[in-house]
PDB file of all heavy atoms in Angstrom:
ATOM      1  N   ASN A   1     -13.013  -5.299  -8.750  1.00  0.00           N
ATOM      2  CA  ASN A   1     -12.921  -4.716  -7.444  1.00  0.00           C
ATOM      3  C   ASN A   1     -11.549  -5.232  -6.700  1.00  0.00           C
ATOM      4  O   ASN A   1     -11.652  -5.543  -5.528  1.00  0.00           O
ATOM      5  CB  ASN A   1     -14.150  -4.996  -6.630  1.00  0.00           C
ATOM      6  CG  ASN A   1     -15.377  -4.268  -6.999  1.00  0.00           C
ATOM      7  OD1 ASN A   1     -15.217  -3.285  -7.706  1.00  0.00           O
ATOM      8  ND2 ASN A   1     -16.443  -4.688  -6.559  1.00  0.00           N
ATOM      9  N   THR A   2     -10.508  -5.345  -7.436  1.00  0.00           N
ATOM     10  CA  THR A   2      -9.300  -5.915  -6.918  1.00  0.00           C
ATOM     11  C   THR A   2      -8.055  -4.973  -7.078  1.00  0.00           C
ATOM     12  O   THR A   2      -7.907  -4.358  -8.131  1.00  0.00           O
ATOM     13  CB  THR A   2      -9.133  -7.248  -7.592  1.00  0.00           C
ATOM     14  OG1 THR A   2     -10.144  -8.164  -7.375  1.00  0.00           O
ATOM     15  CG2 THR A   2      -7.880  -7.937  -6.914  1.00  0.00           C
ATOM     16  N   VAL A   3      -7.259  -4.898  -6.020  1.00  0.00           N
ATOM     17  CA  VAL A   3      -5.943  -4.282  -6.175  1.00  0.00           C
ATOM     18  C   VAL A   3      -4.848  -5.362  -5.823  1.00  0.00           C
ATOM     19  O   VAL A   3      -5.017  -6.269  -5.002  1.00  0.00           O
ATOM     20  CB  VAL A   3      -5.821  -3.244  -5.026  1.00  0.00           C
ATOM     21  CG1 VAL A   3      -4.330  -2.667  -5.053  1.00  0.00           C
ATOM     22  CG2 VAL A   3      -6.816  -2.119  -5.190  1.00  0.00           C
ATOM     23  N   TYR A   4      -3.786  -5.273  -6.682  1.00  0.00           N
ATOM     24  CA  TYR A   4      -2.695  -6.349  -6.636  1.00  0.00           C
ATOM     25  C   TYR A   4      -1.483  -5.712  -6.183  1.00  0.00           C
ATOM     26  O   TYR A   4      -1.244  -4.490  -6.304  1.00  0.00           O
ATOM     27  CB  TYR A   4      -2.537  -6.798  -8.072  1.00  0.00           C
ATOM     28  CG  TYR A   4      -3.835  -7.460  -8.620  1.00  0.00           C
ATOM     29  CD1 TYR A   4      -4.551  -6.794  -9.570  1.00  0.00           C
ATOM     30  CD2 TYR A   4      -4.173  -8.747  -8.338  1.00  0.00           C
ATOM     31  CE1 TYR A   4      -5.680  -7.321 -10.241  1.00  0.00           C
ATOM     32  CE2 TYR A   4      -5.259  -9.352  -8.877  1.00  0.00           C
ATOM     33  CZ  TYR A   4      -6.073  -8.656  -9.794  1.00  0.00           C
ATOM     34  OH  TYR A   4      -7.215  -9.191 -10.323  1.00  0.00           O
ATOM     35  N   LEU A   5      -0.566  -6.393  -5.645  1.00  0.00           N
ATOM     36  CA  LEU A   5       0.774  -6.174  -5.388  1.00  0.00           C
ATOM     37  C   LEU A   5       1.799  -7.233  -5.852  1.00  0.00           C
ATOM     38  O   LEU A   5       1.729  -8.405  -5.309  1.00  0.00           O
ATOM     39  CB  LEU A   5       1.023  -5.868  -3.919  1.00  0.00           C
ATOM     40  CG  LEU A   5       2.402  -5.398  -3.559  1.00  0.00           C
ATOM     41  CD1 LEU A   5       2.589  -3.961  -4.038  1.00  0.00           C
ATOM     42  CD2 LEU A   5       2.701  -5.282  -2.051  1.00  0.00           C
ATOM     43  N   GLN A   6       2.394  -6.894  -7.045  1.00  0.00           N
ATOM     44  CA  GLN A   6       3.310  -7.982  -7.539  1.00  0.00           C
ATOM     45  C   GLN A   6       4.730  -7.670  -6.854  1.00  0.00           C
ATOM     46  O   GLN A   6       5.211  -6.529  -6.969  1.00  0.00           O
ATOM     47  CB  GLN A   6       3.495  -7.808  -9.051  1.00  0.00           C
ATOM     48  CG  GLN A   6       4.543  -8.695  -9.744  1.00  0.00           C
ATOM     49  CD  GLN A   6       4.157 -10.221  -9.553  1.00  0.00           C
ATOM     50  OE1 GLN A   6       2.963 -10.534  -9.857  1.00  0.00           O
ATOM     51  NE2 GLN A   6       4.965 -10.967  -9.282  1.00  0.00           N
ATOM     52  N   MET A   7       5.235  -8.691  -6.222  1.00  0.00           N
ATOM     53  CA  MET A   7       6.526  -8.513  -5.427  1.00  0.00           C
ATOM     54  C   MET A   7       7.486  -9.491  -6.061  1.00  0.00           C
ATOM     55  O   MET A   7       7.488 -10.663  -6.126  1.00  0.00           O
ATOM     56  CB  MET A   7       6.233  -8.920  -4.016  1.00  0.00           C
ATOM     57  CG  MET A   7       5.138  -8.103  -3.305  1.00  0.00           C
ATOM     58  SD  MET A   7       5.068  -8.373  -1.657  1.00  0.00           S
ATOM     59  CE  MET A   7       4.443 -10.112  -1.539  1.00  0.00           C
ATOM     60  N   ASN A   8       8.547  -8.751  -6.684  1.00  0.00           N
ATOM     61  CA  ASN A   8       9.730  -9.581  -7.289  1.00  0.00           C
ATOM     62  C   ASN A   8      10.933  -9.337  -6.480  1.00  0.00           C
ATOM     63  O   ASN A   8      11.101  -8.318  -5.774  1.00  0.00           O
ATOM     64  CB  ASN A   8       9.853  -9.085  -8.664  1.00  0.00           C
ATOM     65  CG  ASN A   8       8.673  -9.368  -9.546  1.00  0.00           C
ATOM     66  OD1 ASN A   8       8.007 -10.366  -9.323  1.00  0.00           O
ATOM     67  ND2 ASN A   8       8.416  -8.468 -10.516  1.00  0.00           N
ATOM     68  N   SER A   9      11.881 -10.188  -6.709  1.00  0.00           N
ATOM     69  CA  SER A   9      13.212 -10.124  -6.053  1.00  0.00           C
ATOM     70  C   SER A   9      13.115  -9.840  -4.629  1.00  0.00           C
ATOM     71  O   SER A   9      13.648  -9.009  -3.958  1.00  0.00           O
ATOM     72  CB  SER A   9      14.016  -8.781  -6.718  1.00  0.00           C
ATOM     73  OG  SER A   9      14.181  -9.035  -8.084  1.00  0.00           O
ATOM     74  N   LEU A  10      12.309 -10.792  -3.994  1.00  0.00           N
ATOM     75  CA  LEU A  10      12.053 -10.588  -2.556  1.00  0.00           C
ATOM     76  C   LEU A  10      13.281 -10.788  -1.732  1.00  0.00           C
ATOM     77  O   LEU A  10      14.105 -11.680  -1.982  1.00  0.00           O
ATOM     78  CB  LEU A  10      10.888 -11.563  -2.111  1.00  0.00           C
ATOM     79  CG  LEU A  10       9.471 -11.145  -2.572  1.00  0.00           C
ATOM     80  CD1 LEU A  10       8.609 -12.193  -2.595  1.00  0.00           C
ATOM     81  CD2 LEU A  10       8.985  -9.990  -1.647  1.00  0.00           C
ATOM     82  N   LYS A  11      13.300 -10.041  -0.581  1.00  0.00           N
ATOM     83  CA  LYS A  11      14.460 -10.171   0.314  1.00  0.00           C
ATOM     84  C   LYS A  11      13.921 -10.664   1.714  1.00  0.00           C
ATOM     85  O   LYS A  11      12.754 -10.354   1.972  1.00  0.00           O
ATOM     86  CB  LYS A  11      15.122  -8.821   0.445  1.00  0.00           C
ATOM     87  CG  LYS A  11      15.515  -8.166  -0.841  1.00  0.00           C
ATOM     88  CD  LYS A  11      16.125  -6.793  -0.622  1.00  0.00           C
ATOM     89  CE  LYS A  11      16.579  -6.136  -1.963  1.00  0.00           C
ATOM     90  NZ  LYS A  11      17.023  -4.789  -1.762  1.00  0.00           N
ATOM     91  N   PRO A  12      14.719 -11.057   2.554  1.00  0.00           N
ATOM     92  CA  PRO A  12      14.409 -11.548   3.875  1.00  0.00           C
ATOM     93  C   PRO A  12      13.630 -10.336   4.656  1.00  0.00           C
ATOM     94  O   PRO A  12      12.778 -10.588   5.402  1.00  0.00           O
ATOM     95  CB  PRO A  12      15.552 -12.035   4.618  1.00  0.00           C
ATOM     96  CG  PRO A  12      16.365 -12.627   3.382  1.00  0.00           C
ATOM     97  CD  PRO A  12      16.149 -11.631   2.270  1.00  0.00           C
ATOM     98  N   GLU A  13      14.178  -9.074   4.384  1.00  0.00           N
ATOM     99  CA  GLU A  13      13.679  -7.961   5.123  1.00  0.00           C
ATOM    100  C   GLU A  13      12.272  -7.599   4.626  1.00  0.00           C
ATOM    101  O   GLU A  13      11.671  -6.651   5.180  1.00  0.00           O
ATOM    102  CB  GLU A  13      14.613  -6.824   5.042  1.00  0.00           C
ATOM    103  CG  GLU A  13      15.049  -6.406   3.562  1.00  0.00           C
ATOM    104  CD  GLU A  13      16.484  -7.049   3.257  1.00  0.00           C
ATOM    105  OE1 GLU A  13      16.623  -8.279   3.667  1.00  0.00           O
ATOM    106  OE2 GLU A  13      17.183  -6.358   2.680  1.00  0.00           O
ATOM    107  N   ASP A  14      11.696  -8.218   3.555  1.00  0.00           N
ATOM    108  CA  ASP A  14      10.379  -7.908   3.243  1.00  0.00           C
ATOM    109  C   ASP A  14       9.344  -8.800   3.925  1.00  0.00           C
ATOM    110  O   ASP A  14       8.122  -8.614   3.848  1.00  0.00           O
ATOM    111  CB  ASP A  14      10.182  -8.356   1.631  1.00  0.00           C
ATOM    112  CG  ASP A  14      11.004  -7.425   0.812  1.00  0.00           C
ATOM    113  OD1 ASP A  14      11.041  -6.239   0.863  1.00  0.00           O
ATOM    114  OD2 ASP A  14      11.538  -7.932  -0.204  1.00  0.00           O
ATOM    115  N   THR A  15       9.916  -9.642   4.856  1.00  0.00           N
ATOM    116  CA  THR A  15       8.966 -10.490   5.714  1.00  0.00           C
ATOM    117  C   THR A  15       8.139  -9.571   6.599  1.00  0.00           C
ATOM    118  O   THR A  15       8.603  -8.820   7.337  1.00  0.00           O
ATOM    119  CB  THR A  15       9.754 -11.459   6.541  1.00  0.00           C
ATOM    120  OG1 THR A  15      10.509 -12.361   5.665  1.00  0.00           O
ATOM    121  CG2 THR A  15       8.975 -12.225   7.548  1.00  0.00           C
ATOM    122  N   ALA A  16       6.813  -9.826   6.522  1.00  0.00           N
ATOM    123  CA  ALA A  16       5.924  -9.027   7.319  1.00  0.00           C
ATOM    124  C   ALA A  16       4.510  -9.522   7.043  1.00  0.00           C
ATOM    125  O   ALA A  16       4.241 -10.369   6.137  1.00  0.00           O
ATOM    126  CB  ALA A  16       6.007  -7.554   6.975  1.00  0.00           C
ATOM    127  N   VAL A  17       3.621  -8.960   7.797  1.00  0.00           N
ATOM    128  CA  VAL A  17       2.199  -9.103   7.538  1.00  0.00           C
ATOM    129  C   VAL A  17       1.801  -7.913   6.534  1.00  0.00           C
ATOM    130  O   VAL A  17       2.182  -6.782   6.919  1.00  0.00           O
ATOM    131  CB  VAL A  17       1.233  -9.088   8.748  1.00  0.00           C
ATOM    132  CG1 VAL A  17      -0.236  -9.087   8.326  1.00  0.00           C
ATOM    133  CG2 VAL A  17       1.612 -10.182   9.670  1.00  0.00           C
ATOM    134  N   TYR A  18       1.274  -8.174   5.400  1.00  0.00           N
ATOM    135  CA  TYR A  18       0.953  -7.146   4.460  1.00  0.00           C
ATOM    136  C   TYR A  18      -0.558  -6.937   4.602  1.00  0.00           C
ATOM    137  O   TYR A  18      -1.425  -7.779   4.494  1.00  0.00           O
ATOM    138  CB  TYR A  18       1.314  -7.666   3.066  1.00  0.00           C
ATOM    139  CG  TYR A  18       2.831  -7.565   2.835  1.00  0.00           C
ATOM    140  CD1 TYR A  18       3.752  -8.326   3.493  1.00  0.00           C
ATOM    141  CD2 TYR A  18       3.202  -6.522   1.919  1.00  0.00           C
ATOM    142  CE1 TYR A  18       5.050  -8.210   3.208  1.00  0.00           C
ATOM    143  CE2 TYR A  18       4.558  -6.436   1.655  1.00  0.00           C
ATOM    144  CZ  TYR A  18       5.558  -7.252   2.374  1.00  0.00           C
ATOM    145  OH  TYR A  18       6.877  -7.095   2.145  1.00  0.00           O
ATOM    146  N   TYR A  19      -0.889  -5.629   4.503  1.00  0.00           N
ATOM    147  CA  TYR A  19      -2.246  -5.134   4.758  1.00  0.00           C
ATOM    148  C   TYR A  19      -2.628  -4.359   3.474  1.00  0.00           C
ATOM    149  O   TYR A  19      -1.988  -3.417   3.085  1.00  0.00           O
ATOM    150  CB  TYR A  19      -2.417  -4.315   5.974  1.00  0.00           C
ATOM    151  CG  TYR A  19      -2.155  -4.972   7.326  1.00  0.00           C
ATOM    152  CD1 TYR A  19      -0.965  -5.093   7.896  1.00  0.00           C
ATOM    153  CD2 TYR A  19      -3.194  -5.628   7.958  1.00  0.00           C
ATOM    154  CE1 TYR A  19      -0.630  -5.703   9.011  1.00  0.00           C
ATOM    155  CE2 TYR A  19      -2.990  -6.324   9.131  1.00  0.00           C
ATOM    156  CZ  TYR A  19      -1.694  -6.300   9.660  1.00  0.00           C
ATOM    157  OH  TYR A  19      -1.576  -6.970  10.910  1.00  0.00           O
ATOM    158  N   CYS A  20      -3.905  -4.661   3.092  1.00  0.00           N
ATOM    159  CA  CYS A  20      -4.538  -3.805   2.029  1.00  0.00           C
ATOM    160  C   CYS A  20      -5.294  -2.696   2.643  1.00  0.00           C
ATOM    161  O   CYS A  20      -5.803  -2.952   3.784  1.00  0.00           O
ATOM    162  CB  CYS A  20      -5.446  -4.765   1.173  1.00  0.00           C
ATOM    163  SG  CYS A  20      -6.366  -3.881  -0.119  1.00  0.00           S
ATOM    164  N   ALA A  21      -5.216  -1.502   2.088  1.00  0.00           N
ATOM    165  CA  ALA A  21      -5.987  -0.350   2.625  1.00  0.00           C
ATOM    166  C   ALA A  21      -6.715   0.421   1.481  1.00  0.00           C
ATOM    167  O   ALA A  21      -6.359   0.295   0.357  1.00  0.00           O
ATOM    168  CB  ALA A  21      -4.988   0.527   3.414  1.00  0.00           C
ATOM    169  N   ALA A  22      -7.740   1.091   1.836  1.00  0.00           N
ATOM    170  CA  ALA A  22      -8.474   1.949   0.918  1.00  0.00           C
ATOM    171  C   ALA A  22      -8.818   3.290   1.597  1.00  0.00           C
ATOM    172  O   ALA A  22      -9.074   3.391   2.818  1.00  0.00           O
ATOM    173  CB  ALA A  22      -9.650   1.189   0.385  1.00  0.00           C
ATOM    174  N   ARG A  23      -9.010   4.346   0.876  1.00  0.00           N
ATOM    175  CA  ARG A  23      -9.485   5.577   1.245  1.00  0.00           C
ATOM    176  C   ARG A  23     -10.226   6.357   0.123  1.00  0.00           C
ATOM    177  O   ARG A  23      -9.914   6.062  -1.130  1.00  0.00           O
ATOM    178  CB  ARG A  23      -8.261   6.478   1.671  1.00  0.00           C
ATOM    179  CG  ARG A  23      -7.267   6.662   0.471  1.00  0.00           C
ATOM    180  CD  ARG A  23      -6.073   7.510   0.845  1.00  0.00           C
ATOM    181  NE  ARG A  23      -5.146   7.737  -0.224  1.00  0.00           N
ATOM    182  CZ  ARG A  23      -5.378   8.804  -1.198  1.00  0.00           C
ATOM    183  NH1 ARG A  23      -6.366   9.559  -0.948  1.00  0.00           N
ATOM    184  NH2 ARG A  23      -4.618   8.957  -2.245  1.00  0.00           N
ATOM    185  N   PRO A  24     -11.024   7.297   0.449  1.00  0.00           N
ATOM    186  CA  PRO A  24     -11.604   8.079  -0.600  1.00  0.00           C
ATOM    187  C   PRO A  24     -10.507   8.774  -1.437  1.00  0.00           C
ATOM    188  O   PRO A  24      -9.422   9.268  -0.801  1.00  0.00           O
ATOM    189  CB  PRO A  24     -12.439   9.093   0.095  1.00  0.00           C
ATOM    190  CG  PRO A  24     -12.773   8.406   1.364  1.00  0.00           C
ATOM    191  CD  PRO A  24     -11.535   7.556   1.738  1.00  0.00           C
ATOM    192  N   GLN A  25     -10.535   8.914  -2.697  1.00  0.00           N
ATOM    193  CA  GLN A  25      -9.596   9.357  -3.633  1.00  0.00           C
ATOM    194  C   GLN A  25      -9.218  10.904  -3.166  1.00  0.00           C
ATOM    195  O   GLN A  25      -8.071  11.191  -3.188  1.00  0.00           O
ATOM    196  CB  GLN A  25     -10.003   9.422  -5.017  1.00  0.00           C
ATOM    197  CG  GLN A  25      -8.942  10.028  -5.885  1.00  0.00           C
ATOM    198  CD  GLN A  25      -7.644   9.269  -5.864  1.00  0.00           C
ATOM    199  OE1 GLN A  25      -7.553   8.116  -6.196  1.00  0.00           O
ATOM    200  NE2 GLN A  25      -6.522  10.113  -5.619  1.00  0.00           N
ATOM    201  N   PHE A  26     -10.094  11.659  -2.901  1.00  0.00           N
ATOM    202  CA  PHE A  26      -9.897  13.102  -2.592  1.00  0.00           C
ATOM    203  C   PHE A  26     -10.015  13.336  -1.095  1.00  0.00           C
ATOM    204  O   PHE A  26     -10.723  12.686  -0.404  1.00  0.00           O
ATOM    205  CB  PHE A  26     -10.769  13.907  -3.418  1.00  0.00           C
ATOM    206  CG  PHE A  26     -10.564  13.719  -4.904  1.00  0.00           C
ATOM    207  CD1 PHE A  26     -11.512  13.029  -5.540  1.00  0.00           C
ATOM    208  CD2 PHE A  26      -9.614  14.221  -5.508  1.00  0.00           C
ATOM    209  CE1 PHE A  26     -11.446  12.721  -6.889  1.00  0.00           C
ATOM    210  CE2 PHE A  26      -9.387  14.102  -6.877  1.00  0.00           C
ATOM    211  CZ  PHE A  26     -10.303  13.325  -7.657  1.00  0.00           C
ATOM    212  N   PRO A  27      -9.345  14.353  -0.611  1.00  0.00           N
ATOM    213  CA  PRO A  27      -8.493  15.355  -1.307  1.00  0.00           C
ATOM    214  C   PRO A  27      -7.074  15.101  -1.431  1.00  0.00           C
ATOM    215  O   PRO A  27      -6.263  15.797  -2.030  1.00  0.00           O
ATOM    216  CB  PRO A  27      -8.775  16.582  -0.452  1.00  0.00           C
ATOM    217  CG  PRO A  27      -8.715  16.133   0.900  1.00  0.00           C
ATOM    218  CD  PRO A  27      -9.550  14.812   0.898  1.00  0.00           C
ATOM    219  N   LEU A  28      -6.583  13.967  -0.838  1.00  0.00           N
ATOM    220  CA  LEU A  28      -5.153  13.735  -0.653  1.00  0.00           C
ATOM    221  C   LEU A  28      -4.675  13.074  -2.007  1.00  0.00           C
ATOM    222  O   LEU A  28      -5.240  12.021  -2.486  1.00  0.00           O
ATOM    223  CB  LEU A  28      -4.845  12.882   0.475  1.00  0.00           C
ATOM    224  CG  LEU A  28      -3.451  12.837   0.987  1.00  0.00           C
ATOM    225  CD1 LEU A  28      -3.043  14.276   1.491  1.00  0.00           C
ATOM    226  CD2 LEU A  28      -3.372  11.927   2.269  1.00  0.00           C
ATOM    227  N   ALA A  29      -3.703  13.608  -2.586  1.00  0.00           N
ATOM    228  CA  ALA A  29      -3.052  13.061  -3.798  1.00  0.00           C
ATOM    229  C   ALA A  29      -2.382  11.734  -3.511  1.00  0.00           C
ATOM    230  O   ALA A  29      -1.912  11.456  -2.349  1.00  0.00           O
ATOM    231  CB  ALA A  29      -2.087  14.089  -4.356  1.00  0.00           C
ATOM    232  N   THR A  30      -2.294  10.836  -4.479  1.00  0.00           N
ATOM    233  CA  THR A  30      -1.684   9.534  -4.237  1.00  0.00           C
ATOM    234  C   THR A  30      -0.250   9.589  -3.707  1.00  0.00           C
ATOM    235  O   THR A  30       0.045   8.810  -2.730  1.00  0.00           O
ATOM    236  CB  THR A  30      -1.761   8.812  -5.620  1.00  0.00           C
ATOM    237  OG1 THR A  30      -3.075   8.602  -6.112  1.00  0.00           O
ATOM    238  CG2 THR A  30      -1.097   7.330  -5.479  1.00  0.00           C
ATOM    239  N   GLU A  31       0.555  10.494  -4.203  1.00  0.00           N
ATOM    240  CA  GLU A  31       1.882  10.500  -3.898  1.00  0.00           C
ATOM    241  C   GLU A  31       2.068  10.933  -2.412  1.00  0.00           C
ATOM    242  O   GLU A  31       3.018  10.684  -1.665  1.00  0.00           O
ATOM    243  CB  GLU A  31       2.669  11.561  -4.695  1.00  0.00           C
ATOM    244  CG  GLU A  31       4.100  11.745  -4.413  1.00  0.00           C
ATOM    245  CD  GLU A  31       4.894  10.464  -4.514  1.00  0.00           C
ATOM    246  OE1 GLU A  31       4.592   9.624  -5.299  1.00  0.00           O
ATOM    247  OE2 GLU A  31       5.848  10.302  -3.768  1.00  0.00           O
ATOM    248  N   ARG A  32       0.977  11.585  -1.797  1.00  0.00           N
ATOM    249  CA  ARG A  32       1.153  12.230  -0.425  1.00  0.00           C
ATOM    250  C   ARG A  32       0.453  11.361   0.631  1.00  0.00           C
ATOM    251  O   ARG A  32       0.651  11.565   1.820  1.00  0.00           O
ATOM    252  CB  ARG A  32       0.506  13.516  -0.405  1.00  0.00           C
ATOM    253  CG  ARG A  32       1.233  14.567  -1.306  1.00  0.00           C
ATOM    254  CD  ARG A  32       0.760  15.962  -1.093  1.00  0.00           C
ATOM    255  NE  ARG A  32       1.006  16.496   0.189  1.00  0.00           N
ATOM    256  CZ  ARG A  32       0.649  17.637   0.572  1.00  0.00           C
ATOM    257  NH1 ARG A  32       0.027  18.472  -0.102  1.00  0.00           N
ATOM    258  NH2 ARG A  32       1.003  18.027   1.841  1.00  0.00           N
ATOM    259  N   ALA A  33      -0.318  10.368   0.179  1.00  0.00           N
ATOM    260  CA  ALA A  33      -0.956   9.384   1.169  1.00  0.00           C
ATOM    261  C   ALA A  33      -0.086   8.307   1.516  1.00  0.00           C
ATOM    262  O   ALA A  33      -0.093   7.237   0.877  1.00  0.00           O
ATOM    263  CB  ALA A  33      -2.204   8.960   0.510  1.00  0.00           C
ATOM    264  N   ARG A  34       0.793   8.472   2.503  1.00  0.00           N
ATOM    265  CA  ARG A  34       1.748   7.461   2.830  1.00  0.00           C
ATOM    266  C   ARG A  34       1.740   7.096   4.380  1.00  0.00           C
ATOM    267  O   ARG A  34       2.695   6.377   4.691  1.00  0.00           O
ATOM    268  CB  ARG A  34       3.159   8.049   2.521  1.00  0.00           C
ATOM    269  CG  ARG A  34       3.357   8.115   1.058  1.00  0.00           C
ATOM    270  CD  ARG A  34       4.702   8.895   0.768  1.00  0.00           C
ATOM    271  NE  ARG A  34       4.933   8.936  -0.748  1.00  0.00           N
ATOM    272  CZ  ARG A  34       5.829   7.968  -1.334  1.00  0.00           C
ATOM    273  NH1 ARG A  34       6.365   7.011  -0.608  1.00  0.00           N
ATOM    274  NH2 ARG A  34       6.030   7.979  -2.659  1.00  0.00           N
ATOM    275  N   THR A  35       0.777   7.442   5.136  1.00  0.00           N
ATOM    276  CA  THR A  35       0.641   7.001   6.369  1.00  0.00           C
ATOM    277  C   THR A  35      -0.564   6.210   6.744  1.00  0.00           C
ATOM    278  O   THR A  35      -1.574   6.359   5.962  1.00  0.00           O
ATOM    279  CB  THR A  35       0.777   8.165   7.479  1.00  0.00           C
ATOM    280  OG1 THR A  35      -0.520   8.896   7.329  1.00  0.00           O
ATOM    281  CG2 THR A  35       1.926   9.183   7.134  1.00  0.00           C
ATOM    282  N   ALA A  36      -0.583   5.335   7.775  1.00  0.00           N
ATOM    283  CA  ALA A  36      -1.805   4.539   8.004  1.00  0.00           C
ATOM    284  C   ALA A  36      -2.884   5.420   8.374  1.00  0.00           C
ATOM    285  O   ALA A  36      -4.075   5.042   8.053  1.00  0.00           O
ATOM    286  CB  ALA A  36      -1.405   3.597   9.173  1.00  0.00           C
ATOM    287  N   ALA A  37      -2.674   6.583   8.903  1.00  0.00           N
ATOM    288  CA  ALA A  37      -3.715   7.467   9.321  1.00  0.00           C
ATOM    289  C   ALA A  37      -4.483   8.074   8.083  1.00  0.00           C
ATOM    290  O   ALA A  37      -5.669   8.515   8.145  1.00  0.00           O
ATOM    291  CB  ALA A  37      -3.279   8.606  10.127  1.00  0.00           C
ATOM    292  N   ASP A  38      -3.850   7.930   6.891  1.00  0.00           N
ATOM    293  CA  ASP A  38      -4.452   8.535   5.714  1.00  0.00           C
ATOM    294  C   ASP A  38      -5.500   7.576   5.132  1.00  0.00           C
ATOM    295  O   ASP A  38      -6.229   7.995   4.303  1.00  0.00           O
ATOM    296  CB  ASP A  38      -3.369   8.742   4.653  1.00  0.00           C
ATOM    297  CG  ASP A  38      -2.563   9.895   4.969  1.00  0.00           C
ATOM    298  OD1 ASP A  38      -2.829  10.766   5.548  1.00  0.00           O
ATOM    299  OD2 ASP A  38      -1.330   9.682   4.550  1.00  0.00           O
TER     300      ASP A  38
END
């Protein structure tokens, strides 16, 4: 029950609070789900 984010070659501009999110798989395709509202 785990999702990972491997982050390499980190840059100062990557500094932030990182949030994990989840949504029902359908109907939105993975490539199109790119906003917080999704």
